[in-house]
């Protein structure tokens, strides 16, 4: 049980005869001429594994060359910091706009990075759902249920994890989007974090805590990660879709300074454009990320239950991500205040 999750945690696997993926996450062969480093958020290992193999196959068929694709996975904020501090990424796929924007502010991305690709550089979107134990013994259906004293909640830290930030914003938003006050939102968030025994640093760590270690009654996680957990659990876990949740927007971006200094721009651009092709969008859907190609999404509508998904930027007066980050997650921000108040 949980074999794929364990393999994902160490990024050790082999794919077909066309390429080998080593413990460092490298796809390589003797014909490779260009190497790309793709720095990604934590719970997308399985998605990029398949996308990378398909891209390498397609690129070789079109050009006669097979690039090396090296993957780095971790908590989204931690990954952004690593790139700012010198990790020479060619491509980013981080969990939040604010993490990618932090890399731009460090001078590594073009000012208009968000508009460089279709759909605001979003080949897919997602949301936060609940994973519960078999039979949902605590009858968890909606966000207020998470604050009940008998319910133990697993979620990663909003300080380091995109999953953690999205979950926090969904809890807060579940109050104010329904017309509640900010004080009521604070009360619910405080009540939920009182029920969190462990704040893992990244999404996959939280998955292991819940699924492998058996800690907690409900796991707040990405939609795709929820499906992977349930598949691996073979009936021991179930997904619950809350009626209202946050629209998670994990952007992709070219790291302009690095691709220009390394001479990898053309391959990196081809890689990102590939994500919007129909074959790539089909792979995205099969891994339970919501493709932004409407036709592909329509073909797989059975995989994605209807949810009322709201943008996080509606939670601040300016409608800007910079204010979301500063207000909720900066040092001394609302998360820090509530977490300090809410611990027993």
Protein backbone atom coordinates (compact mmCIF):
# COMPACT_ATOMS: atom_id res chain seq x y z
CA UNK A 1 0.00 0.00 0.00
CA UNK A 2 1.09 3.62 -0.71
CA UNK A 3 3.83 2.42 -3.06
CA UNK A 4 3.42 5.30 -5.52
CA UNK A 5 3.35 7.85 -2.74
CA UNK A 6 6.55 6.44 -1.30
CA UNK A 7 8.22 6.41 -4.69
CA UNK A 8 7.05 9.98 -5.27
CA UNK A 9 8.53 11.04 -1.97
CA UNK A 10 12.02 9.96 -3.02
CA UNK A 11 11.55 10.66 -6.76
CA UNK A 12 12.94 7.25 -7.76
CA UNK A 13 11.40 5.54 -10.76
CA UNK A 14 12.01 4.21 -14.29
CA UNK A 15 9.97 4.99 -17.39
CA UNK A 16 9.82 2.87 -20.57
CA UNK A 17 12.71 2.08 -22.87
CA UNK A 18 12.82 5.59 -24.28
CA UNK A 19 14.22 7.26 -21.18
CA UNK A 20 15.48 6.62 -17.68
CA UNK A 21 14.48 8.66 -14.65
CA UNK A 22 17.18 8.51 -12.01
CA UNK A 23 17.03 9.28 -8.30
CA UNK A 24 17.62 12.94 -9.10
CA UNK A 25 14.60 12.97 -11.41
CA UNK A 26 16.64 13.19 -14.63
CA UNK A 27 15.43 12.09 -18.04
CA UNK A 28 18.47 11.50 -20.23
CA UNK A 29 19.94 9.54 -23.13
CA UNK A 30 23.14 9.74 -25.16
CA UNK A 31 21.60 12.03 -27.79
CA UNK A 32 20.66 14.71 -25.28
CA UNK A 33 22.03 18.15 -26.14
CA UNK A 34 20.12 20.53 -23.86
CA UNK A 35 19.38 20.15 -20.16
CA UNK A 36 16.45 21.87 -18.47
CA UNK A 37 15.87 22.18 -14.75
CA UNK A 38 12.19 22.34 -13.88
CA UNK A 39 11.50 23.52 -10.32
CA UNK A 40 8.02 22.44 -9.29
CA UNK A 41 5.70 22.40 -6.29
CA UNK A 42 5.44 19.22 -4.28
CA UNK A 43 2.34 17.19 -5.28
CA UNK A 44 2.92 17.19 -9.07
CA UNK A 45 5.57 14.47 -9.36
CA UNK A 46 3.36 11.94 -11.10
CA UNK A 47 1.95 14.54 -13.50
CA UNK A 48 5.34 15.81 -14.66
CA UNK A 49 6.74 12.29 -14.91
CA UNK A 50 4.27 11.47 -17.68
CA UNK A 51 4.29 14.92 -19.30
CA UNK A 52 8.09 14.90 -19.49
CA UNK A 53 8.27 11.53 -21.20
CA UNK A 54 5.67 12.63 -23.75
CA UNK A 55 7.45 15.94 -24.41
CA UNK A 56 10.83 14.26 -24.88
CA UNK A 57 9.28 11.80 -27.33
CA UNK A 58 7.53 14.58 -29.28
CA UNK A 59 10.55 16.90 -29.30
CA UNK A 60 12.80 14.14 -30.59
CA UNK A 61 10.35 13.27 -33.35
CA UNK A 62 10.22 16.93 -34.43
CA UNK A 63 13.89 17.88 -34.08
CA UNK A 64 15.95 14.71 -33.87
CA UNK A 65 17.27 15.74 -30.43
CA UNK A 66 16.27 14.56 -26.99
CA UNK A 67 16.71 17.05 -24.14
CA UNK A 68 17.45 16.21 -20.53
CA UNK A 69 14.67 17.16 -18.12
CA UNK A 70 15.71 17.45 -14.50
CA UNK A 71 12.96 17.86 -11.86
CA UNK A 72 13.10 19.45 -8.42
CA UNK A 73 10.04 19.14 -6.17
CA UNK A 74 9.30 20.74 -2.80
CA UNK A 75 7.11 23.18 -0.93
CA UNK A 76 6.19 26.04 -3.26
CA UNK A 77 7.52 28.91 -1.14
CA UNK A 78 10.69 26.96 -0.37
CA UNK A 79 11.19 26.27 -4.08
CA UNK A 80 10.78 29.94 -4.94
CA UNK A 81 13.38 30.85 -2.30
CA UNK A 82 15.80 28.24 -3.67
CA UNK A 83 15.58 29.73 -7.17
CA UNK A 84 16.03 33.25 -5.82
CA UNK A 85 19.07 32.01 -3.91
CA UNK A 86 20.68 30.53 -7.00
CA UNK A 87 19.05 27.24 -8.04
CA UNK A 88 19.37 27.58 -11.82
CA UNK A 89 15.82 26.73 -12.88
CA UNK A 90 14.83 27.09 -16.53
CA UNK A 91 11.13 26.55 -15.83
CA UNK A 92 8.91 27.05 -12.79
CA UNK A 93 5.57 25.47 -11.91
CA UNK A 94 4.82 26.78 -8.43
CA UNK A 95 1.60 26.59 -6.49
CA UNK A 96 0.77 30.29 -6.19
CA UNK A 97 1.09 33.46 -8.21
CA UNK A 98 2.83 35.13 -5.27
CA UNK A 99 5.63 32.52 -5.25
CA UNK A 100 6.31 32.99 -8.96
CA UNK A 101 6.06 36.76 -8.57
CA UNK A 102 8.67 36.63 -5.80
CA UNK A 103 11.09 35.14 -8.36
CA UNK A 104 10.21 37.97 -10.77
CA UNK A 105 10.88 40.58 -8.09
CA UNK A 106 14.33 39.05 -7.70
CA UNK A 107 14.99 39.98 -11.33
CA UNK A 108 14.82 36.46 -12.82
CA UNK A 109 11.54 36.63 -14.77
CA UNK A 110 10.17 39.05 -17.36
CA UNK A 111 7.79 41.64 -15.97
CA UNK A 112 4.92 40.28 -18.08
CA UNK A 113 5.54 36.60 -17.26
CA UNK A 114 1.87 35.96 -16.47
CA UNK A 115 0.80 36.92 -19.99
CA UNK A 116 3.57 35.05 -21.82
CA UNK A 117 1.41 31.91 -22.23
CA UNK A 118 -2.32 31.25 -22.75
CA UNK A 119 -4.83 31.43 -19.90
CA UNK A 120 -2.56 33.64 -17.79
CA UNK A 121 0.12 30.93 -17.90
CA UNK A 122 -2.27 28.35 -16.44
CA UNK A 123 -2.29 25.06 -18.36
CA UNK A 124 -4.45 23.69 -15.54
CA UNK A 125 -6.18 24.72 -12.31
CA UNK A 126 -7.19 22.81 -9.20
CA UNK A 127 -8.80 23.14 -5.78
CA UNK A 128 -8.63 21.92 -2.19
CA UNK A 129 -10.81 18.97 -1.14
CA UNK A 130 -11.06 16.65 1.87
CA UNK A 131 -9.74 13.10 2.22
CA UNK A 132 -11.37 11.16 5.08
CA UNK A 133 -11.20 7.64 6.52
CA UNK A 134 -13.46 4.91 5.14
CA UNK A 135 -17.13 5.62 5.78
CA UNK A 136 -16.40 9.21 6.82
CA UNK A 137 -16.97 8.36 10.51
CA UNK A 138 -16.99 12.02 11.59
CA UNK A 139 -19.48 13.01 8.85
CA UNK A 140 -17.23 15.77 7.50
CA UNK A 141 -18.98 17.62 4.68
CA UNK A 142 -18.06 21.30 4.90
CA UNK A 143 -15.43 23.64 6.32
CA UNK A 144 -17.11 24.29 9.71
CA UNK A 145 -16.92 20.55 10.43
CA UNK A 146 -13.12 20.82 10.61
CA UNK A 147 -13.24 22.85 13.82
CA UNK A 148 -15.15 20.24 15.80
CA UNK A 149 -13.09 19.11 18.82
CA UNK A 150 -13.23 15.42 17.89
CA UNK A 151 -11.82 16.02 14.36
CA UNK A 152 -8.05 15.97 13.82
CA UNK A 153 -6.97 17.89 10.69
CA UNK A 154 -3.85 17.34 8.56
CA UNK A 155 -2.65 20.25 6.42
CA UNK A 156 0.83 21.55 5.58
CA UNK A 157 2.23 24.87 6.75
CA UNK A 158 1.08 27.99 4.86
CA UNK A 159 4.55 29.42 5.49
CA UNK A 160 6.26 26.93 3.16
CA UNK A 161 3.59 25.08 1.18
CA UNK A 162 1.25 26.19 -1.57
CA UNK A 163 -1.21 23.51 -0.46
CA UNK A 164 -1.04 25.03 3.02
CA UNK A 165 -1.77 28.53 1.71
CA UNK A 166 -4.64 27.41 -0.49
CA UNK A 167 -6.17 25.46 2.41
CA UNK A 168 -5.92 28.46 4.73
CA UNK A 169 -7.54 30.71 2.11
CA UNK A 170 -10.32 28.18 1.51
CA UNK A 171 -11.13 28.03 5.24
CA UNK A 172 -11.15 31.83 5.54
CA UNK A 173 -13.07 32.22 2.29
CA UNK A 174 -15.71 29.67 3.27
CA UNK A 175 -16.89 32.23 5.83
CA UNK A 176 -16.58 35.56 4.02
CA UNK A 177 -17.72 34.22 0.62
CA UNK A 178 -20.95 33.23 2.34
CA UNK A 179 -21.43 36.66 3.85
CA UNK A 180 -19.76 36.08 7.22
CA UNK A 181 -17.60 38.63 8.97
CA UNK A 182 -13.82 38.65 9.17
CA UNK A 183 -14.08 37.98 12.90
CA UNK A 184 -16.11 34.86 12.14
CA UNK A 185 -13.46 33.86 9.59
CA UNK A 186 -10.74 34.31 12.24
CA UNK A 187 -12.74 32.20 14.67
CA UNK A 188 -13.13 29.34 12.18
CA UNK A 189 -9.48 29.39 11.12
CA UNK A 190 -8.37 29.46 14.75
CA UNK A 191 -10.66 26.55 15.54
CA UNK A 192 -9.35 24.48 12.63
CA UNK A 193 -5.66 25.04 13.41
CA UNK A 194 -6.28 24.01 17.01
CA UNK A 195 -7.10 20.60 15.51
CA UNK A 196 -3.85 20.33 13.50
CA UNK A 197 -1.28 18.13 15.31
CA UNK A 198 1.53 18.46 12.73
CA UNK A 199 2.33 21.16 10.17
CA UNK A 200 4.42 19.44 7.50
CA UNK A 201 6.52 21.71 5.30
CA UNK A 202 5.11 20.47 1.98
CA UNK A 203 2.05 18.80 0.48
CA UNK A 204 3.57 15.36 -0.05
CA UNK A 205 4.80 15.26 3.53
CA UNK A 206 1.26 15.92 4.75
CA UNK A 207 0.01 13.14 2.49
CA UNK A 208 2.47 10.71 4.06
CA UNK A 209 1.46 11.83 7.55
CA UNK A 210 -2.20 11.13 6.84
CA UNK A 211 -2.09 8.16 4.47
CA UNK A 212 0.98 6.21 5.59
CA UNK A 213 1.30 7.13 9.26
CA UNK A 214 -2.45 7.08 9.86
CA UNK A 215 -2.53 10.40 11.70
CA UNK A 216 -5.65 12.56 11.50
CA UNK A 217 -9.30 12.25 10.50
CA UNK A 218 -9.28 14.55 7.47
CA UNK A 219 -6.58 15.73 5.08
CA UNK A 220 -6.92 19.07 3.26
CA UNK A 221 -5.22 18.60 -0.07
CA UNK A 222 -5.08 19.24 -3.79
CA UNK A 223 -7.74 17.46 -5.83
CA UNK A 224 -5.14 15.39 -7.71
CA UNK A 225 -3.34 14.40 -4.51
CA UNK A 226 -6.65 13.29 -3.01
CA UNK A 227 -7.25 10.90 -5.91
CA UNK A 228 -3.74 9.46 -5.61
CA UNK A 229 -4.24 8.87 -1.88
CA UNK A 230 -7.55 7.12 -2.42
CA UNK A 231 -6.21 4.95 -5.25
CA UNK A 232 -3.27 3.86 -3.12
CA UNK A 233 -5.44 3.22 -0.06
CA UNK A 234 -7.56 0.57 -1.82
CA UNK A 235 -10.78 1.45 -0.05
CA UNK A 236 -9.39 2.79 3.24
CA UNK A 237 -9.88 6.47 2.27
CA UNK A 238 -12.57 8.54 0.54
CA UNK A 239 -12.78 11.99 -1.07
CA UNK A 240 -15.30 14.56 0.13
CA UNK A 241 -15.93 17.58 -2.08
CA UNK A 242 -16.98 20.61 -0.02
CA UNK A 243 -19.69 22.66 -1.74
CA UNK A 244 -17.46 25.76 -1.78
CA UNK A 245 -13.68 25.94 -2.17
CA UNK A 246 -10.85 28.02 -3.53
CA UNK A 247 -9.79 28.12 -7.19
CA UNK A 248 -6.14 27.07 -7.00
CA UNK A 249 -4.05 28.56 -9.81
CA UNK A 250 -0.57 26.98 -10.17
CA UNK A 251 1.14 29.07 -12.87
CA UNK A 252 4.02 28.00 -15.07
CA UNK A 253 6.78 30.38 -16.10
CA UNK A 254 10.05 30.67 -17.99
CA UNK A 255 13.00 31.84 -15.87
CA UNK A 256 14.24 34.36 -18.43
CA UNK A 257 17.58 35.24 -16.89
CA UNK A 258 18.59 31.61 -16.55
CA UNK A 259 17.47 30.38 -19.98
CA UNK A 260 19.29 33.24 -21.64
CA UNK A 261 22.50 32.68 -19.70
CA UNK A 262 22.35 28.90 -20.30
CA UNK A 263 21.22 29.08 -23.94
CA UNK A 264 18.14 26.95 -23.27
CA UNK A 265 15.37 29.39 -24.21
CA UNK A 266 14.12 27.66 -27.36
CA UNK A 267 13.77 24.23 -25.73
CA UNK A 268 12.24 25.69 -22.57
CA UNK A 269 9.69 27.65 -24.60
CA UNK A 270 8.81 24.52 -26.59
CA UNK A 271 8.35 22.63 -23.32
CA UNK A 272 5.91 25.19 -21.95
CA UNK A 273 3.99 25.48 -25.22
CA UNK A 274 3.64 21.70 -25.24
CA UNK A 275 1.56 21.90 -22.04
CA UNK A 276 -1.28 23.51 -23.99
CA UNK A 277 -1.42 20.86 -26.72
CA UNK A 278 -4.29 18.41 -26.68
CA UNK A 279 -2.13 15.37 -25.80
CA UNK A 280 -0.67 17.22 -22.81
CA UNK A 281 -4.08 18.46 -21.71
CA UNK A 282 -5.33 14.87 -21.82
CA UNK A 283 -2.47 13.79 -19.55
CA UNK A 284 -3.28 16.67 -17.20
CA UNK A 285 -6.91 15.54 -16.96
CA UNK A 286 -5.97 11.91 -16.35
CA UNK A 287 -3.91 13.04 -13.37
CA UNK A 288 -6.94 14.89 -11.95
CA UNK A 289 -5.73 18.42 -12.61
CA UNK A 290 -8.44 20.50 -14.29
CA UNK A 291 -7.24 21.28 -17.85
CA UNK A 292 -7.82 24.81 -19.12
CA UNK A 293 -8.66 23.58 -22.63
CA UNK A 294 -12.50 23.67 -22.51
CA UNK A 295 -12.93 20.79 -24.95
CA UNK A 296 -10.64 18.48 -23.00
CA UNK A 297 -12.28 19.46 -19.71
CA UNK A 298 -15.71 18.73 -21.20
CA UNK A 299 -14.59 15.25 -22.29
CA UNK A 300 -13.51 14.48 -18.73
CA UNK A 301 -16.30 16.21 -16.84
CA UNK A 302 -17.05 12.97 -14.99
CA UNK A 303 -13.64 13.23 -13.27
CA UNK A 304 -14.32 16.69 -11.88
CA UNK A 305 -17.45 17.18 -9.75
CA UNK A 306 -19.03 20.60 -9.90
CA UNK A 307 -17.78 22.93 -7.15
CA UNK A 308 -18.30 26.59 -6.39
CA UNK A 309 -14.71 27.75 -6.83
CA UNK A 310 -13.73 31.29 -5.83
CA UNK A 311 -10.57 33.27 -6.56
CA UNK A 312 -8.42 34.06 -3.55
CA UNK A 313 -7.90 37.64 -4.70
CA UNK A 314 -11.55 38.36 -3.86
CA UNK A 315 -10.54 38.13 -0.18
CA UNK A 316 -8.68 41.46 -0.23
CA UNK A 317 -10.00 44.92 -1.18
CA UNK A 318 -7.41 45.52 -3.90
CA UNK A 319 -8.00 42.19 -5.65
CA UNK A 320 -4.21 41.77 -5.87
CA UNK A 321 -2.09 38.76 -4.92
CA UNK A 322 0.56 40.97 -3.32
CA UNK A 323 -2.01 42.03 -0.74
CA UNK A 324 -3.14 38.42 -0.19
CA UNK A 325 0.44 37.40 0.55
CA UNK A 326 1.18 40.38 2.76
CA UNK A 327 -2.06 40.27 4.72
CA UNK A 328 -2.31 36.57 5.39
CA UNK A 329 1.16 35.03 5.16
CA UNK A 330 3.86 37.66 5.74
CA UNK A 331 5.71 37.70 9.05
CA UNK A 332 3.24 38.85 11.67
CA UNK A 333 0.32 38.46 9.24
CA UNK A 334 -3.05 36.92 9.97
CA UNK A 335 -1.83 33.32 9.84
CA UNK A 336 0.95 34.04 12.35
CA UNK A 337 -1.50 35.87 14.62
CA UNK A 338 -4.15 33.16 14.50
CA UNK A 339 -1.73 30.27 14.84
CA UNK A 340 -0.14 31.84 17.92
CA UNK A 341 -3.56 32.48 19.44
CA UNK A 342 -4.94 29.09 18.54
CA UNK A 343 -2.38 26.70 20.01
CA UNK A 344 -3.42 25.05 23.27
